[in-house]
Amino acid sequence: MNYLTPKQRRRIGYVSAGALGFGAIKTGLAGAAGTSSILAVGSGAVLLIPSLLRNCSLYGQVITSFVPVGRQVWLTIDDGPTPENTLEMLDVLSRNNAKATFFCIGKRIADNPELTTAIHSAGHSLQNHTYSHSVGTFWATTRRRALLEIRECSRLIQNASGISPIQFRAPAGLANPLLHRAVEDAGLSFVGWSASGLDGVPRDPTAVIERIMHSVKPGAIILLHESSLKNMKPGTRAKTLEILLKRLHQEGFTTTIPSLQLS
């Protein structure tokens, strides 16, 4: 379906879901309960399943790689800024001569504007990760709610840095058709990832790095997190970043903040 635009694919999804739903009602009224149930499940699945698949591009373009120059990778860091980790991670990046894109949460920007400014002043990119980062519900958002969250986060980034975001990442990488539409309406590019250590849950830094390096290749988009988790030792996020950067260097990779090109 790559020859169809995201808007066309969304329209087909809505029509298919509606047709299956209508069929479920019609067959149910006719007494065919089994068939009605199957059609009802299909109606929901048409829109639901793609919404629960990370980085799914069925209903909207999601960038998961870029065109590199040599052995470049794009390092992205989610869920900041945080008083306990941002400055440590900025120090690690500086010492390793590395650049990153920080996908920031609006309410954390509001609480820590000076850290947001510090990220920008250090030459890194600040991008949109919603205002509230409601992982449990945002994948099922309405278009109106999504636009409010995206615009408020962008406003806060603009106030802290003087730069308007051009990219968006969804919480957990999950998005329904209405969120894809809202991202397009906001004029942002939807960015996913291709190499993750699953560090959004408690995990040993070594295991995080090994999982990331298994997926790293030129043009990869690497995902790390900076928010602390329950019972996480202080400095774990910075340690993980330090180990990753050294491994990337050993294997000849360099970090970059690319202009958006789909590979």
Protein backbone atom coordinates (compact mmCIF):
# COMPACT_ATOMS: atom_id res chain seq x y z
CA MET A 1 0.00 0.00 0.00
CA ASN A 2 3.03 2.28 -0.27
CA TYR A 3 1.53 3.90 -3.37
CA LEU A 4 -1.29 5.29 -1.23
CA THR A 5 -0.90 8.41 0.88
CA PRO A 6 -1.36 8.15 4.67
CA LYS A 7 -4.63 10.06 4.30
CA GLN A 8 -5.90 7.54 1.74
CA ARG A 9 -4.87 4.60 3.94
CA ARG A 10 -6.67 6.13 6.93
CA ARG A 11 -9.79 6.61 4.82
CA ILE A 12 -9.69 2.96 3.74
CA GLY A 13 -9.27 1.97 7.39
CA TYR A 14 -12.29 4.00 8.50
CA VAL A 15 -14.46 2.67 5.65
CA SER A 16 -13.37 -0.92 6.31
CA ALA A 17 -14.06 -0.63 10.03
CA GLY A 18 -17.45 0.92 9.32
CA ALA A 19 -18.39 -1.72 6.78
CA LEU A 20 -17.42 -4.55 9.11
CA GLY A 21 -19.31 -2.90 11.96
CA PHE A 22 -22.41 -2.52 9.82
CA GLY A 23 -22.08 -6.14 8.76
CA ALA A 24 -21.87 -7.19 12.41
CA ILE A 25 -25.10 -5.36 13.22
CA LYS A 26 -26.89 -6.73 10.15
CA THR A 27 -25.89 -10.34 10.74
CA GLY A 28 -26.64 -10.01 14.44
CA LEU A 29 -30.17 -8.86 13.72
CA ALA A 30 -30.53 -11.78 11.35
CA GLY A 31 -29.68 -14.17 14.17
CA ALA A 32 -26.17 -15.13 13.03
CA ALA A 33 -24.48 -14.40 16.34
CA GLY A 34 -21.21 -16.16 15.52
CA THR A 35 -20.70 -14.31 12.25
CA SER A 36 -21.74 -11.05 13.91
CA SER A 37 -19.10 -11.48 16.60
CA ILE A 38 -16.37 -12.18 14.06
CA LEU A 39 -17.28 -9.10 12.04
CA ALA A 40 -17.41 -6.96 15.19
CA VAL A 41 -13.92 -8.09 16.22
CA GLY A 42 -12.66 -7.40 12.71
CA SER A 43 -14.17 -3.91 12.77
CA GLY A 44 -12.24 -3.01 15.89
CA ALA A 45 -9.05 -4.75 14.83
CA VAL A 46 -8.72 -2.74 11.60
CA LEU A 47 -7.97 0.40 13.61
CA LEU A 48 -6.82 -1.07 16.91
CA ILE A 49 -4.02 -3.43 15.90
CA PRO A 50 -1.93 -0.85 13.99
CA SER A 51 -2.38 1.53 16.94
CA LEU A 52 -0.74 -1.00 19.27
CA LEU A 53 2.26 -1.76 17.06
CA ARG A 54 5.31 0.39 17.80
CA ASN A 55 6.42 2.59 14.89
CA CYS A 56 3.62 1.31 12.67
CA SER A 57 3.38 3.37 9.47
CA LEU A 58 0.11 1.99 8.11
CA TYR A 59 -1.89 5.12 8.93
CA GLY A 60 0.92 7.68 8.85
CA GLN A 61 4.56 8.04 7.89
CA VAL A 62 7.01 7.09 10.66
CA ILE A 63 10.74 7.68 10.16
CA THR A 64 12.82 4.78 11.49
CA SER A 65 16.07 5.37 9.60
CA PHE A 66 17.91 8.11 7.73
CA VAL A 67 20.40 8.39 4.90
CA PRO A 68 23.84 8.41 6.59
CA VAL A 69 27.19 9.74 5.52
CA GLY A 70 29.54 6.89 6.32
CA ARG A 71 28.85 5.10 9.60
CA GLN A 72 26.54 7.68 11.13
CA VAL A 73 23.77 6.93 13.64
CA TRP A 74 21.14 9.20 15.15
CA LEU A 75 21.08 9.16 18.94
CA THR A 76 17.72 10.10 20.49
CA ILE A 77 16.96 10.48 24.21
CA ASP A 78 13.39 10.45 25.50
CA ASP A 79 11.40 11.65 28.52
CA GLY A 80 13.43 14.59 29.84
CA PRO A 81 14.41 16.99 31.03
CA THR A 82 15.03 15.62 34.54
CA PRO A 83 17.02 17.21 37.39
CA GLU A 84 18.61 13.89 38.29
CA ASN A 85 19.94 12.97 34.84
CA THR A 86 19.95 15.72 32.21
CA LEU A 87 23.13 17.54 33.25
CA GLU A 88 25.03 14.27 33.77
CA MET A 89 24.03 13.06 30.32
CA LEU A 90 24.96 16.39 28.75
CA ASP A 91 28.39 16.06 30.35
CA VAL A 92 28.80 12.55 28.92
CA LEU A 93 27.81 13.76 25.46
CA SER A 94 30.26 16.67 25.67
CA ARG A 95 33.19 14.49 26.79
CA ASN A 96 32.51 12.07 23.93
CA ASN A 97 31.97 14.81 21.32
CA ALA A 98 28.52 13.39 20.56
CA LYS A 99 25.24 15.04 19.57
CA ALA A 100 21.71 13.89 20.32
CA THR A 101 18.08 14.74 19.82
CA PHE A 102 16.11 15.06 23.06
CA PHE A 103 12.41 14.25 22.70
CA CYS A 104 11.11 16.19 25.69
CA ILE A 105 7.90 16.00 27.72
CA GLY A 106 6.10 19.34 27.94
CA LYS A 107 5.24 19.24 31.65
CA ARG A 108 8.87 18.44 32.48
CA ILE A 109 9.98 21.37 30.34
CA ALA A 110 7.59 23.58 32.33
CA ASP A 111 9.12 22.30 35.58
CA ASN A 112 12.74 22.52 34.36
CA PRO A 113 13.06 25.31 31.78
CA GLU A 114 16.72 25.89 32.67
CA LEU A 115 17.57 22.27 31.79
CA THR A 116 15.74 22.62 28.48
CA THR A 117 17.79 25.72 27.73
CA ALA A 118 20.97 23.85 28.70
CA ILE A 119 20.21 21.07 26.19
CA HIS A 120 19.77 23.64 23.43
CA SER A 121 22.85 25.65 24.46
CA ALA A 122 24.98 22.49 24.28
CA GLY A 123 24.11 22.13 20.60
CA HIS A 124 21.59 19.33 20.86
CA SER A 125 18.14 19.18 19.28
CA LEU A 126 14.91 19.64 21.25
CA GLN A 127 11.84 17.90 19.87
CA ASN A 128 8.24 17.12 20.82
CA HIS A 129 7.23 14.14 23.00
CA THR A 130 3.73 15.40 23.99
CA TYR A 131 2.87 17.52 27.01
CA SER A 132 1.73 14.83 29.46
CA HIS A 133 3.31 11.60 28.11
CA SER A 134 0.24 9.54 29.07
CA VAL A 135 1.56 6.17 27.92
CA GLY A 136 -1.49 4.23 29.02
CA THR A 137 -4.03 6.26 27.05
CA PHE A 138 -2.34 8.42 24.43
CA TRP A 139 -2.35 5.68 21.80
CA ALA A 140 -6.18 6.01 21.90
CA THR A 141 -6.20 9.81 21.83
CA THR A 142 -8.67 11.99 19.98
CA ARG A 143 -7.35 14.35 17.32
CA ARG A 144 -8.30 17.37 19.44
CA ARG A 145 -6.49 16.13 22.52
CA ALA A 146 -3.42 15.21 20.48
CA LEU A 147 -3.23 18.65 18.91
CA LEU A 148 -3.54 20.34 22.30
CA GLU A 149 -0.74 18.19 23.73
CA ILE A 150 1.53 18.66 20.73
CA ARG A 151 1.01 22.41 20.48
CA GLU A 152 1.57 22.99 24.20
CA CYS A 153 4.80 21.00 24.17
CA SER A 154 6.01 22.89 21.10
CA ARG A 155 5.13 26.20 22.75
CA LEU A 156 7.20 25.34 25.82
CA ILE A 157 10.18 24.27 23.71
CA GLN A 158 9.93 27.51 21.73
CA ASN A 159 9.84 29.56 24.94
CA ALA A 160 12.87 27.78 26.41
CA SER A 161 15.05 27.66 23.31
CA GLY A 162 13.70 30.08 20.72
CA ILE A 163 13.43 27.15 18.29
CA SER A 164 10.21 25.55 17.06
CA PRO A 165 10.24 21.74 17.00
CA ILE A 166 9.95 19.99 13.65
CA GLN A 167 9.75 16.40 14.90
CA PHE A 168 7.43 14.36 17.12
CA ARG A 169 7.70 11.03 18.88
CA ALA A 170 4.69 9.30 20.41
CA PRO A 171 4.81 7.83 23.92
CA ALA A 172 6.01 4.23 23.54
CA GLY A 173 5.89 4.72 19.76
CA LEU A 174 2.15 3.93 19.67
CA ALA A 175 -0.27 5.95 17.55
CA ASN A 176 -3.81 5.62 16.25
CA PRO A 177 -4.98 7.19 12.96
CA LEU A 178 -6.20 10.34 14.74
CA LEU A 179 -2.78 10.97 16.27
CA HIS A 180 -1.12 10.56 12.88
CA ARG A 181 -3.55 13.13 11.50
CA ALA A 182 -2.81 15.52 14.37
CA VAL A 183 0.96 15.25 13.83
CA GLU A 184 0.48 16.09 10.17
CA ASP A 185 -1.82 19.02 11.06
CA ALA A 186 0.87 20.33 13.44
CA GLY A 187 3.42 20.25 10.61
CA LEU A 188 5.74 17.80 12.37
CA SER A 189 7.58 14.71 11.17
CA PHE A 190 6.81 11.53 13.10
CA VAL A 191 10.07 9.91 14.27
CA GLY A 192 10.37 6.36 15.57
CA TRP A 193 13.52 4.29 16.09
CA SER A 194 15.29 1.16 14.85
CA ALA A 195 17.64 0.30 17.75
CA SER A 196 16.39 0.12 21.34
CA GLY A 197 17.73 -1.47 24.50
CA LEU A 198 14.26 -1.49 26.09
CA ASP A 199 15.59 0.74 28.87
CA GLY A 200 12.14 2.14 29.56
CA VAL A 201 11.90 -0.68 32.10
CA PRO A 202 14.56 -1.68 34.69
CA ARG A 203 17.43 -3.35 32.88
CA ASP A 204 21.17 -3.74 33.39
CA PRO A 205 23.16 -1.19 31.33
CA THR A 206 25.22 -3.96 29.72
CA ALA A 207 22.07 -5.73 28.53
CA VAL A 208 20.72 -2.44 27.18
CA ILE A 209 23.90 -1.81 25.20
CA GLU A 210 24.10 -5.32 23.78
CA ARG A 211 20.52 -5.16 22.56
CA ILE A 212 21.10 -1.78 20.93
CA MET A 213 24.35 -2.83 19.25
CA HIS A 214 22.63 -5.91 17.82
CA SER A 215 20.41 -3.58 15.77
CA VAL A 216 22.84 -0.77 15.01
CA LYS A 217 23.88 -0.13 11.43
CA PRO A 218 24.61 3.06 9.46
CA GLY A 219 21.43 5.15 9.39
CA ALA A 220 20.00 3.63 12.57
CA ILE A 221 17.95 5.70 15.00
CA ILE A 222 18.92 4.76 18.57
CA LEU A 223 16.49 5.15 21.46
CA LEU A 224 17.56 5.81 25.05
CA HIS A 225 15.64 7.19 28.03
CA GLU A 226 16.71 9.64 30.69
CA SER A 227 13.96 9.46 33.30
CA SER A 228 14.86 7.46 36.41
CA LEU A 229 12.93 4.31 37.25
CA LYS A 230 11.96 2.95 40.65
CA ASN A 231 14.99 1.67 42.57
CA MET A 232 17.36 2.75 39.79
CA LYS A 233 20.82 3.62 41.10
CA PRO A 234 21.82 7.29 40.66
CA GLY A 235 23.95 7.76 37.56
CA THR A 236 22.64 4.69 35.74
CA ARG A 237 21.34 6.67 32.77
CA ALA A 238 24.63 8.53 32.32
CA LYS A 239 26.59 5.29 32.73
CA THR A 240 24.51 3.58 30.06
CA LEU A 241 25.05 6.49 27.68
CA GLU A 242 28.81 6.50 28.35
CA ILE A 243 29.14 2.77 27.63
CA LEU A 244 27.06 3.09 24.47
CA LEU A 245 29.11 5.96 23.08
CA LYS A 246 32.35 4.09 23.70
CA ARG A 247 31.00 0.98 21.95
CA LEU A 248 29.83 3.03 19.01
CA HIS A 249 33.26 4.66 18.76
CA GLN A 250 35.02 1.28 18.95
CA GLU A 251 32.94 0.04 16.04
CA GLY A 252 33.54 3.14 13.94
CA PHE A 253 30.16 4.84 14.35
CA THR A 254 29.64 8.57 14.80
CA THR A 255 26.51 10.37 16.02
CA THR A 256 24.74 13.02 14.01
CA ILE A 257 21.53 15.03 14.04
CA PRO A 258 20.38 14.48 10.44
CA SER A 259 18.15 16.41 8.17
CA LEU A 260 15.13 14.18 7.68
CA GLN A 261 15.49 11.92 4.70
CA LEU A 262 13.80 8.55 4.42
CA SER A 263 16.02 5.64 3.50
